[in-house]
């Protein structure tokens, strides 16, 4: 499941005009605006815009978090709205409905990333908890925090980069039975990647290969997006869920732990987790809880 930040978002872009400069392919950043870039289309550069809250990373040639994009010139996009402070008294272990996390708390968590998901996302989340072997609110908070981070408040359930680029080379089909006409890039609440994970999740959850045959449903159907997240959590994360850092190492350790290329995201992700805890009425842990370790 290890994947770049680009694996956890959809980069929605818009065409805003072209410039009179010939090109033979590729991209280049916009020197006047960090959130824009140019793509070579039919021999001319066409201006594009990154998704909300993203900047163009000229070295990697994709839209990225501002903290890792490296853009220091031009006009950066306005920062995402700060989460509304939660001043309510600590919440009970379960909501009045008996769920570990209430819908209001779930929505608050989504709003930390400016999300406003439909009720089906909450329903899918609650249904996925036993499938992930999650029985307490603290572990549910970690699960929710990672899902909220990966999807930017449930706004994006498909890998960002692969919406504007051909990802067949990044995710080649292996021996797990993946179809040559499908690309098994990141989808769902924890961004399921690689055909072997789609195959294993499909077999374990449904007893067939439906996710290999139609991987798109992992992104398009919130219930399935949560099912696959629960499968990954149960299989790879639950045993290491004692600390937030343990869960991060299991999910994205190669990139955000151990000196990975996105090591800065470890701190950003842990700070976001503390915002989610506030929404849930839970106390923030010591910083050591965010250290990457098994």
Protein backbone atom coordinates (compact mmCIF):
# COMPACT_ATOMS: atom_id res chain seq x y z
CA UNK A 1 0.00 0.00 0.00
CA UNK A 2 3.02 2.27 0.19
CA UNK A 3 2.35 5.12 -2.14
CA UNK A 4 3.20 8.74 -2.78
CA UNK A 5 0.93 11.57 -1.73
CA UNK A 6 -0.07 11.59 -5.36
CA UNK A 7 -1.54 8.08 -4.71
CA UNK A 8 -3.93 9.42 -2.10
CA UNK A 9 -5.64 12.27 -4.26
CA UNK A 10 -7.41 13.05 -7.53
CA UNK A 11 -5.82 16.00 -9.32
CA UNK A 12 -8.79 17.68 -10.94
CA UNK A 13 -7.52 20.20 -13.45
CA UNK A 14 -8.96 22.76 -15.82
CA UNK A 15 -7.72 24.21 -19.07
CA UNK A 16 -7.35 27.97 -18.86
CA UNK A 17 -5.64 28.84 -22.12
CA UNK A 18 -2.51 28.22 -24.16
CA UNK A 19 0.72 30.11 -24.67
CA UNK A 20 2.44 30.83 -27.96
CA UNK A 21 5.43 28.60 -27.38
CA UNK A 22 6.04 25.44 -29.34
CA UNK A 23 6.90 22.21 -27.56
CA UNK A 24 7.44 18.55 -28.30
CA UNK A 25 6.00 17.10 -25.10
CA UNK A 26 6.09 17.21 -21.34
CA UNK A 27 5.23 19.78 -18.71
CA UNK A 28 6.63 22.93 -17.14
CA UNK A 29 5.67 24.98 -14.12
CA UNK A 30 3.97 28.36 -14.28
CA UNK A 31 6.49 30.94 -13.00
CA UNK A 32 3.65 33.23 -11.88
CA UNK A 33 1.51 30.76 -9.95
CA UNK A 34 2.53 27.71 -7.90
CA UNK A 35 -0.85 26.04 -8.40
CA UNK A 36 -0.64 26.12 -12.20
CA UNK A 37 1.47 24.33 -14.81
CA UNK A 38 1.70 23.93 -18.57
CA UNK A 39 1.17 20.69 -20.50
CA UNK A 40 2.32 20.25 -24.06
CA UNK A 41 -0.74 19.53 -26.22
CA UNK A 42 -0.49 19.26 -30.00
CA UNK A 43 2.78 21.21 -30.10
CA UNK A 44 1.71 24.06 -27.80
CA UNK A 45 1.77 24.56 -24.05
CA UNK A 46 -1.69 24.65 -22.47
CA UNK A 47 -2.20 26.12 -19.00
CA UNK A 48 -3.58 23.70 -16.40
CA UNK A 49 -4.51 24.06 -12.72
CA UNK A 50 -3.79 21.65 -9.89
CA UNK A 51 -6.57 20.52 -7.59
CA UNK A 52 -7.52 22.64 -4.58
CA UNK A 53 -4.69 22.94 -2.07
CA UNK A 54 -2.02 21.46 -4.37
CA UNK A 55 1.06 22.98 -6.00
CA UNK A 56 2.95 21.92 -9.10
CA UNK A 57 6.09 19.91 -8.37
CA UNK A 58 8.43 20.74 -11.25
CA UNK A 59 11.00 18.09 -10.34
CA UNK A 60 8.49 15.26 -10.24
CA UNK A 61 6.05 16.68 -12.82
CA UNK A 62 2.84 16.24 -10.85
CA UNK A 63 0.58 18.14 -8.46
CA UNK A 64 1.76 17.69 -4.90
CA UNK A 65 1.31 18.98 -1.36
CA UNK A 66 2.78 22.51 -1.00
CA UNK A 67 5.16 21.19 1.68
CA UNK A 68 6.81 18.83 -0.80
CA UNK A 69 6.19 20.57 -4.14
CA UNK A 70 9.17 22.88 -3.67
CA UNK A 71 7.52 25.90 -5.31
CA UNK A 72 8.91 29.13 -3.86
CA UNK A 73 7.91 31.65 -6.54
CA UNK A 74 4.63 32.98 -7.79
CA UNK A 75 1.34 33.08 -5.98
CA UNK A 76 0.61 30.00 -3.96
CA UNK A 77 -3.03 29.02 -3.50
CA UNK A 78 -4.80 30.03 -0.34
CA UNK A 79 -4.33 27.52 2.46
CA UNK A 80 -7.14 25.12 3.24
CA UNK A 81 -9.57 26.42 5.87
CA UNK A 82 -8.45 25.68 9.41
CA UNK A 83 -10.59 23.12 11.22
CA UNK A 84 -13.24 24.54 13.49
CA UNK A 85 -11.97 24.26 17.08
CA UNK A 86 -13.74 21.61 19.07
CA UNK A 87 -14.53 22.79 22.59
CA UNK A 88 -17.07 20.19 23.59
CA UNK A 89 -16.45 17.99 26.58
CA UNK A 90 -14.83 14.58 25.92
CA UNK A 91 -17.26 12.24 24.24
CA UNK A 92 -18.29 8.83 25.59
CA UNK A 93 -16.68 5.71 24.16
CA UNK A 94 -19.68 5.20 21.89
CA UNK A 95 -22.25 7.56 20.39
CA UNK A 96 -25.91 7.59 21.41
CA UNK A 97 -26.59 5.20 18.54
CA UNK A 98 -24.06 2.71 19.90
CA UNK A 99 -21.52 3.38 17.13
CA UNK A 100 -17.91 3.97 18.10
CA UNK A 101 -17.95 7.28 16.23
CA UNK A 102 -21.03 9.43 15.60
CA UNK A 103 -21.90 10.89 12.23
CA UNK A 104 -21.28 14.40 13.56
CA UNK A 105 -17.79 13.38 14.69
CA UNK A 106 -17.16 11.73 11.30
CA UNK A 107 -18.20 14.92 9.50
CA UNK A 108 -15.96 16.98 11.76
CA UNK A 109 -13.03 14.76 10.82
CA UNK A 110 -13.80 15.19 7.12
CA UNK A 111 -14.00 18.96 7.58
CA UNK A 112 -10.39 19.05 8.80
CA UNK A 113 -9.61 18.53 5.10
CA UNK A 114 -12.50 20.71 3.89
CA UNK A 115 -14.57 17.63 3.02
CA UNK A 116 -18.33 17.25 3.24
CA UNK A 117 -19.05 13.62 2.33
CA UNK A 118 -22.48 12.12 1.74
CA UNK A 119 -23.99 10.01 4.50
CA UNK A 120 -23.07 6.85 2.58
CA UNK A 121 -19.44 7.46 3.52
CA UNK A 122 -20.29 7.38 7.22
CA UNK A 123 -22.45 4.29 6.79
CA UNK A 124 -19.63 2.54 4.94
CA UNK A 125 -17.14 3.55 7.63
CA UNK A 126 -19.23 2.14 10.48
CA UNK A 127 -19.89 -1.09 8.56
CA UNK A 128 -16.19 -1.51 7.83
CA UNK A 129 -14.99 -1.38 11.44
CA UNK A 130 -15.69 -5.02 12.39
CA UNK A 131 -14.24 -6.13 9.05
CA UNK A 132 -11.05 -4.31 10.02
CA UNK A 133 -11.10 -5.99 13.48
CA UNK A 134 -11.55 -2.56 15.08
CA UNK A 135 -13.47 -2.67 18.35
CA UNK A 136 -12.36 0.47 20.23
CA UNK A 137 -12.63 4.18 19.52
CA UNK A 138 -8.88 4.84 19.67
CA UNK A 139 -8.09 2.44 16.83
CA UNK A 140 -11.15 3.66 14.92
CA UNK A 141 -9.72 7.18 15.21
CA UNK A 142 -6.45 6.08 13.60
CA UNK A 143 -8.33 4.33 10.79
CA UNK A 144 -10.48 7.41 10.18
CA UNK A 145 -7.51 9.78 10.31
CA UNK A 146 -5.60 7.84 7.66
CA UNK A 147 -8.67 7.55 5.42
CA UNK A 148 -9.40 11.26 5.76
CA UNK A 149 -5.79 12.11 4.92
CA UNK A 150 -5.57 9.73 1.95
CA UNK A 151 -8.78 11.04 0.35
CA UNK A 152 -8.54 14.69 1.47
CA UNK A 153 -11.76 14.54 3.45
CA UNK A 154 -13.29 11.93 1.10
CA UNK A 155 -13.16 14.31 -1.84
CA UNK A 156 -10.75 12.16 -3.85
CA UNK A 157 -10.96 8.37 -4.02
CA UNK A 158 -8.71 7.89 -7.05
CA UNK A 159 -4.98 8.39 -7.32
CA UNK A 160 -4.25 11.96 -8.34
CA UNK A 161 -1.42 11.44 -10.75
CA UNK A 162 -3.18 8.71 -12.66
CA UNK A 163 -6.10 10.95 -13.57
CA UNK A 164 -3.89 13.06 -15.84
CA UNK A 165 -1.14 10.57 -16.66
CA UNK A 166 -0.84 7.05 -18.00
CA UNK A 167 -0.01 4.86 -14.98
CA UNK A 168 0.29 1.51 -16.74
CA UNK A 169 4.07 1.56 -16.38
CA UNK A 170 3.83 2.51 -12.69
CA UNK A 171 1.49 -0.40 -11.93
CA UNK A 172 2.33 -3.21 -14.35
CA UNK A 173 0.09 -6.26 -14.22
CA UNK A 174 1.81 -9.18 -12.51
CA UNK A 175 0.89 -12.79 -11.90
CA UNK A 176 -2.21 -12.09 -9.82
CA UNK A 177 -4.56 -12.26 -12.78
CA UNK A 178 -4.85 -8.56 -13.45
CA UNK A 179 -6.36 -7.50 -16.76
CA UNK A 180 -4.09 -5.87 -19.31
CA UNK A 181 -6.77 -3.28 -20.08
CA UNK A 182 -7.04 -2.14 -16.45
CA UNK A 183 -4.69 -0.10 -14.27
CA UNK A 184 -4.61 -1.03 -10.60
CA UNK A 185 -3.62 2.36 -9.20
CA UNK A 186 -4.71 3.74 -5.83
CA UNK A 187 -8.44 3.70 -5.13
CA UNK A 188 -10.72 3.74 -2.14
CA UNK A 189 -10.36 5.06 1.38
CA UNK A 190 -6.82 3.75 1.89
CA UNK A 191 -5.86 3.80 -1.78
CA UNK A 192 -5.66 0.11 -2.67
CA UNK A 193 -2.85 -0.42 -5.20
CA UNK A 194 -1.36 -3.23 -7.32
CA UNK A 195 -3.29 -6.06 -8.92
CA UNK A 196 -2.21 -8.58 -6.28
CA UNK A 197 -3.87 -6.47 -3.55
CA UNK A 198 -7.04 -6.11 -5.63
CA UNK A 199 -7.06 -9.88 -6.17
CA UNK A 200 -6.45 -10.76 -2.51
CA UNK A 201 -9.00 -8.25 -1.23
CA UNK A 202 -11.60 -9.44 -3.72
CA UNK A 203 -11.09 -13.09 -2.79
CA UNK A 204 -11.19 -12.43 0.96
CA UNK A 205 -14.14 -10.03 0.90
CA UNK A 206 -16.34 -11.50 -1.81
CA UNK A 207 -14.97 -14.92 -2.69
CA UNK A 208 -14.44 -13.99 -6.36
CA UNK A 209 -12.38 -11.73 -8.61
CA UNK A 210 -14.85 -8.86 -9.05
CA UNK A 211 -12.27 -6.23 -8.06
CA UNK A 212 -9.84 -7.54 -10.66
CA UNK A 213 -12.54 -7.43 -13.31
CA UNK A 214 -13.84 -4.00 -12.28
CA UNK A 215 -11.33 -2.11 -10.14
CA UNK A 216 -13.19 1.15 -10.76
CA UNK A 217 -15.87 0.20 -8.23
CA UNK A 218 -13.34 0.55 -5.40
CA UNK A 219 -13.34 4.31 -6.05
CA UNK A 220 -16.93 4.70 -7.21
CA UNK A 221 -18.77 2.79 -4.49
CA UNK A 222 -18.12 4.08 -0.93
CA UNK A 223 -19.10 0.75 0.62
CA UNK A 224 -16.53 -1.12 -1.48
CA UNK A 225 -13.95 1.61 -0.90
CA UNK A 226 -14.38 1.07 2.84
CA UNK A 227 -14.43 -2.72 2.48
CA UNK A 228 -11.04 -2.72 0.79
CA UNK A 229 -9.66 -0.29 3.37
CA UNK A 230 -10.88 -2.61 6.12
CA UNK A 231 -9.28 -5.60 4.39
CA UNK A 232 -5.95 -3.81 4.17
CA UNK A 233 -6.16 -2.67 7.79
CA UNK A 234 -7.01 -6.16 9.05
CA UNK A 235 -4.27 -7.76 6.96
CA UNK A 236 -1.44 -5.28 7.36
CA UNK A 237 -2.16 -2.66 10.03
CA UNK A 238 -4.28 -3.96 12.91
CA UNK A 239 -1.43 -5.87 14.56
CA UNK A 240 0.63 -2.65 14.61
CA UNK A 241 -2.15 -0.28 15.71
CA UNK A 242 -0.86 0.39 19.21
CA UNK A 243 0.57 3.73 18.10
CA UNK A 244 -0.19 6.05 15.23
CA UNK A 245 3.39 5.73 14.03
CA UNK A 246 2.98 1.98 13.90
CA UNK A 247 -0.03 2.30 11.63
CA UNK A 248 1.76 4.78 9.39
CA UNK A 249 4.74 2.46 9.01
CA UNK A 250 2.39 -0.34 7.98
CA UNK A 251 0.54 1.85 5.46
CA UNK A 252 3.22 4.05 3.92
CA UNK A 253 6.46 3.29 5.72
CA UNK A 254 8.69 3.13 2.66
CA UNK A 255 7.93 6.75 1.77
CA UNK A 256 7.09 8.51 5.03
CA UNK A 257 9.30 6.54 7.45
CA UNK A 258 12.86 5.26 7.35
CA UNK A 259 14.16 8.33 5.55
CA UNK A 260 11.69 7.99 2.68
CA UNK A 261 11.18 10.63 0.02
CA UNK A 262 8.05 11.98 1.75
CA UNK A 263 9.38 11.96 5.32
CA UNK A 264 7.92 15.42 5.99
CA UNK A 265 4.45 14.00 5.58
CA UNK A 266 4.91 11.95 8.75
CA UNK A 267 4.69 15.10 10.83
CA UNK A 268 1.88 16.59 8.74
CA UNK A 269 -0.10 13.36 8.97
CA UNK A 270 0.42 13.07 12.74
CA UNK A 271 -0.70 16.67 13.27
CA UNK A 272 -3.80 15.91 11.22
CA UNK A 273 -4.45 12.83 13.38
CA UNK A 274 -4.46 15.09 16.44
CA UNK A 275 -7.10 17.28 14.76
CA UNK A 276 -9.24 14.19 14.19
CA UNK A 277 -8.82 13.18 17.83
CA UNK A 278 -10.12 16.60 18.81
CA UNK A 279 -13.20 16.03 16.68
CA UNK A 280 -13.77 12.72 18.46
CA UNK A 281 -13.30 14.16 21.94
CA UNK A 282 -10.14 12.12 22.52
CA UNK A 283 -6.94 13.39 24.10
CA UNK A 284 -3.90 13.94 21.89
CA UNK A 285 -0.99 11.56 22.56
CA UNK A 286 2.64 12.50 23.10
CA UNK A 287 4.67 13.24 19.98
CA UNK A 288 6.44 9.90 20.44
CA UNK A 289 3.18 8.19 19.44
CA UNK A 290 3.81 9.45 15.91
CA UNK A 291 7.28 7.95 15.61
CA UNK A 292 7.52 5.33 12.88
CA UNK A 293 8.08 1.95 14.43
CA UNK A 294 6.50 -1.45 14.19
